[in-house]
Amino acid sequence: MCLSLIDYINYKSPVGKSDHVCLTWNITVAVGKPDVKQEAKLNYWKSNYDAISEGLQNYDWGMEFRDKTLQQNWSFLKDEVMELVKQFVPLKKPYCGKKSADWMTKQTKKLIKDRNQAWTRYRHYSSYRNYLYYKKLLNKTVQSVRKYHDSHRKKVIRSFKGNPKKFFGFMRNLQTVKLKVSHRVNNNGDMTVTEQETAEVLCEFF
């Protein structure tokens, strides 16, 4: 590998009680596309569903769908629904920050921040005093992580009692490979190409 591809090597504090320094660096793998600014998303939790329902009731759907093909009816319904969505579903800004773990408390976050600062200070001024101060914060951080992580895990396990859906949802979030609808074989023996074709094959099967 060409060394010119690696840049900005940083020496981070060790993980846990390990004495091995963590290294992070930037590596140029390929020329990337320019960053695309994320657009605002629809916030369905704060939608006015009563207004949407009232808007849909203003149509005589029997008359609107008369003498039209299935595709024409679907396009008309979709356009009208999306127009109501634009009016009564507010937008929310995309979250750009880094999401921390559910069990992470403010106290633990502060300890991690202080530990990293102590490590940086020790890296710049390698004195025995700075090393002892870093080790002290390191031990406190490890104890805090173990304490709140175990407490959160026990709380989550207790919440599964009588709620199997929550258990299966929790297990799905732990999966590294997400399940998705793959291509299916249609009646002609050919593989489907689009998602619509796959949906039609599944509808016919069920």
N, C-alpha and C. Protein backbone atom coordinates (compact mmCIF):
# COMPACT_ATOMS: atom_id res chain seq x y z
N MET A 1 0.84 -1.19 0.00
CA MET A 1 0.00 0.00 0.00
C MET A 1 0.88 1.25 0.00
N CYS A 2 0.51 2.21 -0.77
CA CYS A 2 1.27 3.45 -0.85
C CYS A 2 1.07 4.25 0.43
N LEU A 3 2.18 4.70 1.04
CA LEU A 3 2.08 5.41 2.31
C LEU A 3 1.43 6.78 2.15
N SER A 4 1.46 7.32 0.93
CA SER A 4 0.86 8.63 0.72
C SER A 4 -0.66 8.60 0.83
N LEU A 5 -1.25 7.39 0.82
CA LEU A 5 -2.69 7.28 0.94
C LEU A 5 -3.16 7.45 2.38
N ILE A 6 -2.25 7.33 3.34
CA ILE A 6 -2.59 7.43 4.76
C ILE A 6 -2.24 8.82 5.27
N ASP A 7 -3.16 9.40 6.01
CA ASP A 7 -2.94 10.76 6.52
C ASP A 7 -3.64 10.91 7.86
N TYR A 8 -3.20 11.88 8.63
CA TYR A 8 -3.80 12.22 9.92
C TYR A 8 -3.85 11.03 10.87
N ILE A 9 -2.68 10.51 11.22
CA ILE A 9 -2.61 9.42 12.20
C ILE A 9 -2.72 10.02 13.60
N ASN A 10 -3.70 9.54 14.37
CA ASN A 10 -3.94 10.04 15.72
C ASN A 10 -3.75 8.92 16.73
N TYR A 11 -3.17 9.29 17.86
CA TYR A 11 -2.96 8.34 18.95
C TYR A 11 -4.03 8.58 20.01
N LYS A 12 -5.02 7.68 20.04
CA LYS A 12 -6.13 7.81 20.97
C LYS A 12 -5.84 7.01 22.24
N SER A 13 -6.65 7.29 23.26
CA SER A 13 -6.48 6.58 24.52
C SER A 13 -6.87 5.11 24.36
N PRO A 14 -6.25 4.22 25.14
CA PRO A 14 -6.56 2.79 25.05
C PRO A 14 -8.01 2.50 25.40
N VAL A 15 -8.51 1.34 24.93
CA VAL A 15 -9.87 0.91 25.22
C VAL A 15 -9.86 0.13 26.53
N GLY A 16 -10.78 0.48 27.42
CA GLY A 16 -10.86 -0.21 28.70
C GLY A 16 -9.59 -0.05 29.50
N LYS A 17 -9.08 -1.16 30.04
CA LYS A 17 -7.84 -1.13 30.82
C LYS A 17 -6.64 -1.63 30.02
N SER A 18 -6.79 -1.68 28.73
CA SER A 18 -5.69 -2.12 27.87
C SER A 18 -4.57 -1.08 27.85
N ASP A 19 -3.34 -1.55 27.68
CA ASP A 19 -2.19 -0.66 27.58
C ASP A 19 -1.84 -0.34 26.13
N HIS A 20 -2.59 -0.88 25.19
CA HIS A 20 -2.32 -0.67 23.77
C HIS A 20 -3.00 0.61 23.30
N VAL A 21 -2.24 1.44 22.65
CA VAL A 21 -2.77 2.70 22.14
C VAL A 21 -3.66 2.43 20.93
N CYS A 22 -4.78 3.15 20.82
CA CYS A 22 -5.66 3.05 19.66
C CYS A 22 -5.21 4.05 18.60
N LEU A 23 -5.03 3.56 17.41
CA LEU A 23 -4.63 4.41 16.30
C LEU A 23 -5.81 4.64 15.37
N THR A 24 -6.02 5.86 14.99
CA THR A 24 -7.03 6.19 13.97
C THR A 24 -6.35 7.00 12.88
N TRP A 25 -6.76 6.78 11.65
CA TRP A 25 -6.17 7.49 10.54
C TRP A 25 -7.15 7.60 9.39
N ASN A 26 -6.86 8.48 8.49
CA ASN A 26 -7.64 8.63 7.26
C ASN A 26 -6.88 7.98 6.13
N ILE A 27 -7.58 7.23 5.32
CA ILE A 27 -6.97 6.56 4.18
C ILE A 27 -7.77 6.86 2.93
N THR A 28 -7.10 7.22 1.88
CA THR A 28 -7.75 7.52 0.60
C THR A 28 -7.93 6.23 -0.18
N VAL A 29 -9.16 5.78 -0.28
CA VAL A 29 -9.47 4.55 -1.01
C VAL A 29 -9.88 4.86 -2.44
N ALA A 30 -10.73 5.84 -2.59
CA ALA A 30 -11.19 6.23 -3.92
C ALA A 30 -11.70 7.66 -3.83
N VAL A 31 -11.79 8.29 -4.98
CA VAL A 31 -12.31 9.65 -5.04
C VAL A 31 -13.80 9.60 -4.82
N GLY A 32 -14.27 10.22 -3.75
CA GLY A 32 -15.69 10.18 -3.43
C GLY A 32 -16.48 11.27 -4.11
N LYS A 33 -17.76 11.09 -4.09
CA LYS A 33 -18.66 12.10 -4.65
C LYS A 33 -18.80 13.25 -3.66
N PRO A 34 -19.10 14.42 -4.14
CA PRO A 34 -19.28 15.54 -3.21
C PRO A 34 -20.42 15.27 -2.24
N ASP A 35 -20.28 15.77 -1.03
CA ASP A 35 -21.29 15.56 0.00
C ASP A 35 -22.61 16.18 -0.43
N VAL A 36 -23.66 15.39 -0.27
CA VAL A 36 -25.00 15.86 -0.60
C VAL A 36 -25.70 16.24 0.70
N LYS A 37 -26.17 17.45 0.76
CA LYS A 37 -26.82 17.91 1.97
C LYS A 37 -28.14 17.18 2.17
N GLN A 38 -28.32 16.62 3.36
CA GLN A 38 -29.53 15.88 3.65
C GLN A 38 -30.73 16.81 3.70
N GLU A 39 -31.82 16.35 3.11
CA GLU A 39 -33.03 17.13 3.09
C GLU A 39 -33.86 16.84 4.34
N ALA A 40 -34.76 17.77 4.64
CA ALA A 40 -35.64 17.59 5.78
C ALA A 40 -36.59 16.42 5.51
N LYS A 41 -36.95 15.71 6.57
CA LYS A 41 -37.82 14.55 6.44
C LYS A 41 -39.20 14.86 7.01
N LEU A 42 -40.17 14.05 6.60
CA LEU A 42 -41.53 14.22 7.09
C LEU A 42 -41.65 13.68 8.50
N ASN A 43 -42.26 14.45 9.37
CA ASN A 43 -42.46 14.04 10.76
C ASN A 43 -43.89 13.54 10.93
N TYR A 44 -44.09 12.24 10.67
CA TYR A 44 -45.44 11.67 10.72
C TYR A 44 -45.99 11.62 12.13
N TRP A 45 -45.11 11.70 13.15
CA TRP A 45 -45.59 11.65 14.53
C TRP A 45 -46.40 12.90 14.89
N LYS A 46 -46.18 14.00 14.18
CA LYS A 46 -46.88 15.25 14.50
C LYS A 46 -47.83 15.63 13.37
N SER A 47 -48.31 14.65 12.63
CA SER A 47 -49.20 14.93 11.51
C SER A 47 -50.62 15.20 12.00
N ASN A 48 -51.36 15.93 11.19
CA ASN A 48 -52.77 16.19 11.45
C ASN A 48 -53.59 15.19 10.63
N TYR A 49 -53.77 13.99 11.20
CA TYR A 49 -54.45 12.93 10.46
C TYR A 49 -55.94 13.20 10.30
N ASP A 50 -56.52 13.95 11.21
CA ASP A 50 -57.94 14.29 11.07
C ASP A 50 -58.16 15.15 9.81
N ALA A 51 -57.25 16.10 9.59
CA ALA A 51 -57.37 16.95 8.40
C ALA A 51 -57.14 16.14 7.12
N ILE A 52 -56.21 15.20 7.18
CA ILE A 52 -55.96 14.35 6.00
C ILE A 52 -57.18 13.49 5.70
N SER A 53 -57.76 12.91 6.75
CA SER A 53 -58.95 12.08 6.56
C SER A 53 -60.12 12.89 6.02
N GLU A 54 -60.28 14.10 6.53
CA GLU A 54 -61.35 14.97 6.04
C GLU A 54 -61.12 15.35 4.58
N GLY A 55 -59.86 15.59 4.22
CA GLY A 55 -59.57 15.92 2.83
C GLY A 55 -59.87 14.77 1.89
N LEU A 56 -59.62 13.55 2.33
CA LEU A 56 -59.90 12.38 1.48
C LEU A 56 -61.40 12.14 1.34
N GLN A 57 -62.17 12.52 2.37
CA GLN A 57 -63.62 12.32 2.32
C GLN A 57 -64.31 13.30 1.38
N ASN A 58 -63.62 14.32 0.95
CA ASN A 58 -64.23 15.30 0.04
C ASN A 58 -64.36 14.77 -1.39
N TYR A 59 -63.73 13.65 -1.66
CA TYR A 59 -63.78 13.09 -3.02
C TYR A 59 -64.88 12.03 -3.12
N ASP A 60 -65.50 11.99 -4.26
CA ASP A 60 -66.41 10.90 -4.60
C ASP A 60 -65.58 9.85 -5.35
N TRP A 61 -65.01 8.92 -4.59
CA TRP A 61 -64.04 8.00 -5.17
C TRP A 61 -64.66 7.09 -6.22
N GLY A 62 -65.93 6.82 -6.07
CA GLY A 62 -66.59 6.00 -7.09
C GLY A 62 -66.60 6.69 -8.45
N MET A 63 -66.86 8.00 -8.43
CA MET A 63 -66.85 8.75 -9.67
C MET A 63 -65.43 8.97 -10.18
N GLU A 64 -64.50 9.22 -9.26
CA GLU A 64 -63.11 9.49 -9.66
C GLU A 64 -62.47 8.26 -10.31
N PHE A 65 -62.81 7.08 -9.84
CA PHE A 65 -62.19 5.85 -10.33
C PHE A 65 -62.94 5.23 -11.52
N ARG A 66 -64.05 5.84 -11.90
CA ARG A 66 -64.86 5.25 -12.98
C ARG A 66 -64.18 5.46 -14.33
N ASP A 67 -64.24 4.44 -15.15
CA ASP A 67 -63.75 4.49 -16.54
C ASP A 67 -62.26 4.82 -16.61
N LYS A 68 -61.47 4.37 -15.63
CA LYS A 68 -60.03 4.58 -15.64
C LYS A 68 -59.32 3.25 -15.42
N THR A 69 -58.09 3.19 -15.88
CA THR A 69 -57.31 1.98 -15.67
C THR A 69 -56.80 1.94 -14.23
N LEU A 70 -56.28 0.78 -13.85
CA LEU A 70 -55.75 0.62 -12.50
C LEU A 70 -54.58 1.58 -12.25
N GLN A 71 -53.70 1.72 -13.23
CA GLN A 71 -52.56 2.61 -13.08
C GLN A 71 -53.00 4.07 -12.95
N GLN A 72 -54.02 4.46 -13.71
CA GLN A 72 -54.53 5.83 -13.62
C GLN A 72 -55.15 6.10 -12.26
N ASN A 73 -55.92 5.14 -11.75
CA ASN A 73 -56.52 5.30 -10.42
C ASN A 73 -55.45 5.41 -9.34
N TRP A 74 -54.42 4.56 -9.45
CA TRP A 74 -53.35 4.60 -8.45
C TRP A 74 -52.59 5.92 -8.49
N SER A 75 -52.31 6.42 -9.67
CA SER A 75 -51.60 7.70 -9.80
C SER A 75 -52.42 8.84 -9.23
N PHE A 76 -53.73 8.82 -9.50
CA PHE A 76 -54.60 9.88 -8.97
C PHE A 76 -54.64 9.84 -7.45
N LEU A 77 -54.81 8.64 -6.88
CA LEU A 77 -54.88 8.50 -5.43
C LEU A 77 -53.56 8.92 -4.78
N LYS A 78 -52.46 8.50 -5.37
CA LYS A 78 -51.16 8.84 -4.81
C LYS A 78 -50.92 10.34 -4.84
N ASP A 79 -51.25 11.00 -5.95
CA ASP A 79 -51.04 12.45 -6.06
C ASP A 79 -51.87 13.21 -5.05
N GLU A 80 -53.12 12.79 -4.84
CA GLU A 80 -53.98 13.49 -3.90
C GLU A 80 -53.52 13.29 -2.47
N VAL A 81 -53.10 12.07 -2.15
CA VAL A 81 -52.60 11.80 -0.79
C VAL A 81 -51.33 12.59 -0.52
N MET A 82 -50.41 12.60 -1.48
CA MET A 82 -49.16 13.33 -1.29
C MET A 82 -49.38 14.83 -1.16
N GLU A 83 -50.40 15.34 -1.84
CA GLU A 83 -50.72 16.76 -1.71
C GLU A 83 -51.21 17.07 -0.30
N LEU A 84 -52.02 16.17 0.28
CA LEU A 84 -52.49 16.36 1.64
C LEU A 84 -51.34 16.19 2.64
N VAL A 85 -50.42 15.30 2.32
CA VAL A 85 -49.26 15.10 3.19
C VAL A 85 -48.42 16.37 3.26
N LYS A 86 -48.22 17.02 2.12
CA LYS A 86 -47.45 18.26 2.10
C LYS A 86 -48.10 19.34 2.96
N GLN A 87 -49.43 19.31 3.04
CA GLN A 87 -50.14 20.36 3.79
C GLN A 87 -50.17 20.09 5.29
N PHE A 88 -50.32 18.83 5.68
CA PHE A 88 -50.62 18.53 7.08
C PHE A 88 -49.57 17.68 7.78
N VAL A 89 -48.47 17.39 7.12
CA VAL A 89 -47.38 16.66 7.77
C VAL A 89 -46.18 17.59 7.84
N PRO A 90 -45.76 17.99 9.02
CA PRO A 90 -44.63 18.93 9.14
C PRO A 90 -43.30 18.25 8.81
N LEU A 91 -42.31 19.07 8.57
CA LEU A 91 -40.97 18.57 8.27
C LEU A 91 -40.10 18.65 9.51
N LYS A 92 -39.12 17.79 9.56
CA LYS A 92 -38.13 17.82 10.64
C LYS A 92 -36.73 17.76 10.04
N LYS A 93 -35.82 18.43 10.70
CA LYS A 93 -34.44 18.45 10.22
C LYS A 93 -33.77 17.11 10.49
N PRO A 94 -32.97 16.63 9.55
CA PRO A 94 -32.27 15.36 9.79
C PRO A 94 -31.26 15.49 10.91
N TYR A 95 -31.13 14.43 11.69
CA TYR A 95 -30.18 14.44 12.80
C TYR A 95 -28.79 14.15 12.25
N CYS A 96 -27.87 15.09 12.45
CA CYS A 96 -26.52 14.96 11.91
C CYS A 96 -25.50 14.60 12.98
N GLY A 97 -25.90 14.61 14.23
CA GLY A 97 -24.96 14.30 15.29
C GLY A 97 -24.74 12.81 15.44
N LYS A 98 -23.78 12.48 16.26
CA LYS A 98 -23.46 11.09 16.52
C LYS A 98 -24.32 10.59 17.66
N LYS A 99 -25.06 9.53 17.43
CA LYS A 99 -25.94 8.98 18.44
C LYS A 99 -25.15 8.12 19.41
N SER A 100 -25.34 8.40 20.69
CA SER A 100 -24.64 7.62 21.70
C SER A 100 -25.49 6.42 22.10
N ALA A 101 -24.91 5.50 22.82
CA ALA A 101 -25.61 4.30 23.25
C ALA A 101 -26.74 4.66 24.21
N ASP A 102 -27.79 3.80 24.24
CA ASP A 102 -28.94 4.08 25.08
C ASP A 102 -28.58 4.10 26.56
N TRP A 103 -27.61 3.31 26.95
CA TRP A 103 -27.26 3.20 28.36
C TRP A 103 -26.28 4.30 28.80
N MET A 104 -25.77 5.06 27.85
CA MET A 104 -24.75 6.07 28.17
C MET A 104 -25.38 7.24 28.93
N THR A 105 -24.88 7.51 30.12
CA THR A 105 -25.37 8.61 30.94
C THR A 105 -24.46 9.83 30.79
N LYS A 106 -24.94 10.97 31.26
CA LYS A 106 -24.14 12.18 31.21
C LYS A 106 -22.86 12.03 32.03
N GLN A 107 -22.99 11.34 33.15
CA GLN A 107 -21.82 11.13 34.00
C GLN A 107 -20.75 10.31 33.27
N THR A 108 -21.18 9.25 32.57
CA THR A 108 -20.23 8.41 31.83
C THR A 108 -19.61 9.18 30.68
N LYS A 109 -20.41 9.97 29.98
CA LYS A 109 -19.88 10.77 28.88
C LYS A 109 -18.81 11.76 29.37
N LYS A 110 -19.08 12.36 30.52
CA LYS A 110 -18.10 13.32 31.07
C LYS A 110 -16.81 12.60 31.47
N LEU A 111 -16.94 11.42 32.05
CA LEU A 111 -15.75 10.67 32.43
C LEU A 111 -14.92 10.28 31.20
N ILE A 112 -15.60 9.88 30.13
CA ILE A 112 -14.90 9.52 28.90
C ILE A 112 -14.17 10.73 28.32
N LYS A 113 -14.85 11.88 28.35
CA LYS A 113 -14.23 13.10 27.85
C LYS A 113 -13.01 13.49 28.69
N ASP A 114 -13.16 13.41 30.02
CA ASP A 114 -12.04 13.74 30.90
C ASP A 114 -10.89 12.75 30.73
N ARG A 115 -11.22 11.48 30.55
CA ARG A 115 -10.17 10.47 30.33
C ARG A 115 -9.39 10.75 29.06
N ASN A 116 -10.10 11.09 27.99
CA ASN A 116 -9.41 11.38 26.72
C ASN A 116 -8.53 12.62 26.83
N GLN A 117 -9.02 13.62 27.54
CA GLN A 117 -8.21 14.82 27.74
C GLN A 117 -6.97 14.52 28.58
N ALA A 118 -7.13 13.65 29.60
CA ALA A 118 -5.98 13.27 30.42
C ALA A 118 -4.96 12.48 29.60
N TRP A 119 -5.46 11.64 28.69
CA TRP A 119 -4.55 10.88 27.83
C TRP A 119 -3.78 11.81 26.89
N THR A 120 -4.47 12.79 26.33
CA THR A 120 -3.80 13.75 25.44
C THR A 120 -2.75 14.55 26.20
N ARG A 121 -3.06 14.94 27.42
CA ARG A 121 -2.10 15.67 28.24
C ARG A 121 -0.87 14.81 28.54
N TYR A 122 -1.11 13.54 28.82
CA TYR A 122 0.01 12.63 29.10
C TYR A 122 0.86 12.39 27.85
N ARG A 123 0.21 12.37 26.67
CA ARG A 123 0.95 12.18 25.42
C ARG A 123 1.88 13.37 25.16
N HIS A 124 1.43 14.55 25.50
CA HIS A 124 2.24 15.74 25.25
C HIS A 124 3.28 15.97 26.35
N TYR A 125 2.92 15.63 27.59
CA TYR A 125 3.83 15.81 28.73
C TYR A 125 3.89 14.49 29.50
N SER A 126 4.82 13.65 29.08
CA SER A 126 4.89 12.27 29.60
C SER A 126 5.52 12.24 31.00
N SER A 127 4.81 12.79 31.96
CA SER A 127 5.29 12.76 33.34
C SER A 127 4.56 11.65 34.11
N TYR A 128 5.17 11.22 35.18
CA TYR A 128 4.56 10.16 36.00
C TYR A 128 3.27 10.65 36.65
N ARG A 129 3.23 11.91 37.01
CA ARG A 129 2.04 12.49 37.62
C ARG A 129 0.86 12.48 36.65
N ASN A 130 1.11 12.88 35.41
CA ASN A 130 0.04 12.86 34.41
C ASN A 130 -0.43 11.45 34.12
N TYR A 131 0.49 10.48 34.19
CA TYR A 131 0.13 9.09 33.95
C TYR A 131 -0.78 8.57 35.06
N LEU A 132 -0.45 8.90 36.31
CA LEU A 132 -1.28 8.46 37.43
C LEU A 132 -2.67 9.08 37.36
N TYR A 133 -2.73 10.35 36.96
CA TYR A 133 -4.02 11.01 36.84
C TYR A 133 -4.85 10.35 35.73
N TYR A 134 -4.21 9.99 34.64
CA TYR A 134 -4.91 9.31 33.55
C TYR A 134 -5.42 7.95 34.01
N LYS A 135 -4.59 7.18 34.72
CA LYS A 135 -5.00 5.85 35.20
C LYS A 135 -6.17 5.96 36.17
N LYS A 136 -6.18 7.00 36.98
CA LYS A 136 -7.28 7.21 37.92
C LYS A 136 -8.60 7.43 37.18
N LEU A 137 -8.57 8.30 36.18
CA LEU A 137 -9.78 8.54 35.39
C LEU A 137 -10.17 7.32 34.56
N LEU A 138 -9.17 6.58 34.11
CA LEU A 138 -9.45 5.37 33.34
C LEU A 138 -10.23 4.36 34.18
N ASN A 139 -9.80 4.14 35.42
CA ASN A 139 -10.48 3.19 36.28
C ASN A 139 -11.91 3.64 36.59
N LYS A 140 -12.10 4.94 36.81
CA LYS A 140 -13.45 5.45 37.06
C LYS A 140 -14.35 5.27 35.84
N THR A 141 -13.77 5.50 34.66
CA THR A 141 -14.56 5.36 33.43
C THR A 141 -14.98 3.92 33.21
N VAL A 142 -14.06 2.97 33.40
CA VAL A 142 -14.39 1.56 33.22
C VAL A 142 -15.47 1.12 34.20
N GLN A 143 -15.38 1.55 35.45
CA GLN A 143 -16.39 1.19 36.44
C GLN A 143 -17.75 1.77 36.08
N SER A 144 -17.77 3.02 35.60
CA SER A 144 -19.03 3.65 35.23
C SER A 144 -19.66 2.95 34.03
N VAL A 145 -18.84 2.61 33.04
CA VAL A 145 -19.36 1.93 31.84
C VAL A 145 -19.96 0.59 32.22
N ARG A 146 -19.27 -0.18 33.03
CA ARG A 146 -19.77 -1.49 33.44
C ARG A 146 -21.05 -1.38 34.26
N LYS A 147 -21.07 -0.40 35.15
CA LYS A 147 -22.23 -0.24 36.03
C LYS A 147 -23.49 0.09 35.25
N TYR A 148 -23.44 1.13 34.43
CA TYR A 148 -24.64 1.57 33.72
C TYR A 148 -24.99 0.66 32.55
N HIS A 149 -23.99 0.02 31.96
CA HIS A 149 -24.27 -0.92 30.88
C HIS A 149 -25.02 -2.13 31.42
N ASP A 150 -24.56 -2.67 32.53
CA ASP A 150 -25.23 -3.83 33.14
C ASP A 150 -26.63 -3.46 33.62
N SER A 151 -26.77 -2.27 34.20
CA SER A 151 -28.07 -1.83 34.69
C SER A 151 -29.07 -1.68 33.54
N HIS A 152 -28.60 -1.11 32.44
CA HIS A 152 -29.49 -0.93 31.28
C HIS A 152 -29.87 -2.29 30.68
N ARG A 153 -28.91 -3.21 30.60
CA ARG A 153 -29.19 -4.53 30.03
C ARG A 153 -30.23 -5.28 30.86
N LYS A 154 -30.12 -5.21 32.19
CA LYS A 154 -31.09 -5.88 33.05
C LYS A 154 -32.47 -5.25 32.91
N LYS A 155 -32.50 -3.93 32.76
CA LYS A 155 -33.78 -3.24 32.58
C LYS A 155 -34.46 -3.64 31.27
N VAL A 156 -33.66 -3.76 30.22
CA VAL A 156 -34.22 -4.17 28.92
C VAL A 156 -34.74 -5.59 28.98
N ILE A 157 -34.00 -6.48 29.63
CA ILE A 157 -34.42 -7.89 29.74
C ILE A 157 -35.73 -8.00 30.52
N ARG A 158 -35.87 -7.22 31.59
CA ARG A 158 -37.11 -7.25 32.38
C ARG A 158 -38.30 -6.75 31.57
N SER A 159 -38.05 -5.84 30.65
CA SER A 159 -39.16 -5.29 29.84
C SER A 159 -39.69 -6.28 28.82
N PHE A 160 -38.97 -7.38 28.56
CA PHE A 160 -39.42 -8.37 27.58
C PHE A 160 -40.57 -9.21 28.12
N LYS A 161 -40.73 -9.25 29.44
CA LYS A 161 -41.75 -10.10 30.05
C LYS A 161 -43.14 -9.67 29.61
N GLY A 162 -43.86 -10.58 28.97
CA GLY A 162 -45.21 -10.29 28.48
C GLY A 162 -45.24 -9.42 27.24
N ASN A 163 -44.08 -9.17 26.64
CA ASN A 163 -44.03 -8.32 25.44
C ASN A 163 -43.10 -8.96 24.41
N PRO A 164 -43.54 -10.04 23.75
CA PRO A 164 -42.66 -10.73 22.79
C PRO A 164 -42.28 -9.87 21.60
N LYS A 165 -43.13 -8.93 21.19
CA LYS A 165 -42.80 -8.07 20.04
C LYS A 165 -41.57 -7.22 20.34
N LYS A 166 -41.49 -6.73 21.55
CA LYS A 166 -40.33 -5.92 21.92
C LYS A 166 -39.06 -6.75 21.91
N PHE A 167 -39.18 -8.02 22.33
CA PHE A 167 -38.01 -8.91 22.31
C PHE A 167 -37.52 -9.15 20.90
N PHE A 168 -38.44 -9.49 19.99
CA PHE A 168 -38.04 -9.76 18.61
C PHE A 168 -37.52 -8.50 17.93
N GLY A 169 -38.11 -7.34 18.27
CA GLY A 169 -37.59 -6.09 17.72
C GLY A 169 -36.19 -5.80 18.20
N PHE A 170 -35.92 -6.10 19.47
CA PHE A 170 -34.58 -5.91 20.02
C PHE A 170 -33.58 -6.83 19.33
N MET A 171 -33.97 -8.07 19.08
CA MET A 171 -33.07 -9.02 18.42
C MET A 171 -32.81 -8.62 16.97
N ARG A 172 -33.82 -8.05 16.29
CA ARG A 172 -33.61 -7.61 14.91
C ARG A 172 -32.60 -6.46 14.85
N ASN A 173 -32.63 -5.58 15.85
CA ASN A 173 -31.68 -4.47 15.87
C ASN A 173 -30.25 -4.95 16.08
N LEU A 174 -30.10 -6.13 16.70
CA LEU A 174 -28.76 -6.66 16.93
C LEU A 174 -28.19 -7.36 15.70
N GLN A 175 -29.04 -7.65 14.73
CA GLN A 175 -28.57 -8.34 13.53
C GLN A 175 -27.67 -7.44 12.70
N THR A 176 -26.55 -7.98 12.31
CA THR A 176 -25.64 -7.24 11.44
C THR A 176 -26.08 -7.30 9.98
N VAL A 177 -26.77 -8.36 9.60
CA VAL A 177 -27.29 -8.52 8.24
C VAL A 177 -28.80 -8.34 8.30
N LYS A 178 -29.30 -7.28 7.71
CA LYS A 178 -30.71 -6.97 7.74
C LYS A 178 -31.45 -7.78 6.67
N LEU A 179 -32.64 -8.26 7.06
CA LEU A 179 -33.46 -9.02 6.13
C LEU A 179 -34.19 -8.08 5.19
N LYS A 180 -34.30 -8.48 3.95
CA LYS A 180 -35.04 -7.68 2.97
C LYS A 180 -35.67 -8.60 1.95
N VAL A 181 -36.66 -8.08 1.25
CA VAL A 181 -37.34 -8.87 0.23
C VAL A 181 -36.44 -8.99 -0.98
N SER A 182 -36.12 -10.22 -1.35
CA SER A 182 -35.24 -10.45 -2.49
C SER A 182 -36.08 -10.70 -3.74
N HIS A 183 -35.40 -10.91 -4.84
CA HIS A 183 -36.10 -11.20 -6.10
C HIS A 183 -36.71 -12.60 -6.05
N ARG A 184 -37.88 -12.75 -6.65
CA ARG A 184 -38.59 -14.02 -6.64
C ARG A 184 -38.75 -14.52 -8.06
N VAL A 185 -39.12 -15.80 -8.18
CA VAL A 185 -39.36 -16.42 -9.48
C VAL A 185 -40.85 -16.29 -9.80
N ASN A 186 -41.17 -15.72 -10.97
CA ASN A 186 -42.57 -15.56 -11.34
C ASN A 186 -43.12 -16.82 -11.99
N ASN A 187 -44.36 -16.73 -12.47
CA ASN A 187 -45.02 -17.91 -13.05
C ASN A 187 -44.34 -18.39 -14.33
N ASN A 188 -43.62 -17.51 -15.00
CA ASN A 188 -42.92 -17.89 -16.23
C ASN A 188 -41.55 -18.51 -15.97
N GLY A 189 -41.17 -18.59 -14.69
CA GLY A 189 -39.88 -19.16 -14.37
C GLY A 189 -38.74 -18.17 -14.41
N ASP A 190 -39.05 -16.88 -14.60
CA ASP A 190 -38.02 -15.84 -14.67
C ASP A 190 -37.93 -15.11 -13.32
N MET A 191 -36.76 -14.55 -13.06
CA MET A 191 -36.56 -13.79 -11.84
C MET A 191 -37.14 -12.39 -12.00
N THR A 192 -37.78 -11.89 -10.94
CA THR A 192 -38.31 -10.54 -10.99
C THR A 192 -37.16 -9.52 -10.99
N VAL A 193 -37.44 -8.36 -11.56
CA VAL A 193 -36.42 -7.33 -11.68
C VAL A 193 -36.70 -6.16 -10.74
N THR A 194 -37.94 -5.69 -10.74
CA THR A 194 -38.29 -4.53 -9.94
C THR A 194 -39.01 -4.97 -8.66
N GLU A 195 -39.13 -4.03 -7.71
CA GLU A 195 -39.84 -4.30 -6.46
C GLU A 195 -41.33 -4.52 -6.71
N GLN A 196 -41.87 -3.82 -7.71
CA GLN A 196 -43.29 -3.99 -8.02
C GLN A 196 -43.57 -5.41 -8.52
N GLU A 197 -42.69 -5.95 -9.36
CA GLU A 197 -42.87 -7.31 -9.84
C GLU A 197 -42.79 -8.31 -8.70
N THR A 198 -41.86 -8.08 -7.78
CA THR A 198 -41.73 -8.97 -6.63
C THR A 198 -42.98 -8.92 -5.77
N ALA A 199 -43.53 -7.72 -5.57
CA ALA A 199 -44.75 -7.57 -4.77
C ALA A 199 -45.92 -8.29 -5.43
N GLU A 200 -46.03 -8.22 -6.75
CA GLU A 200 -47.12 -8.89 -7.45
C GLU A 200 -47.01 -10.41 -7.33
N VAL A 201 -45.78 -10.93 -7.39
CA VAL A 201 -45.58 -12.38 -7.23
C VAL A 201 -45.97 -12.82 -5.83
N LEU A 202 -45.63 -12.05 -4.82
CA LEU A 202 -45.99 -12.38 -3.45
C LEU A 202 -47.49 -12.29 -3.23
N CYS A 203 -48.14 -11.29 -3.84
CA CYS A 203 -49.59 -11.17 -3.72
C CYS A 203 -50.31 -12.37 -4.35
N GLU A 204 -49.81 -12.82 -5.49
CA GLU A 204 -50.44 -13.97 -6.14
C GLU A 204 -50.24 -15.24 -5.31
N PHE A 205 -49.09 -15.34 -4.65
CA PHE A 205 -48.79 -16.55 -3.87
C PHE A 205 -49.66 -16.63 -2.61
N PHE A 206 -49.83 -15.50 -1.96
CA PHE A 206 -50.57 -15.49 -0.70
C PHE A 206 -52.07 -15.24 -0.90
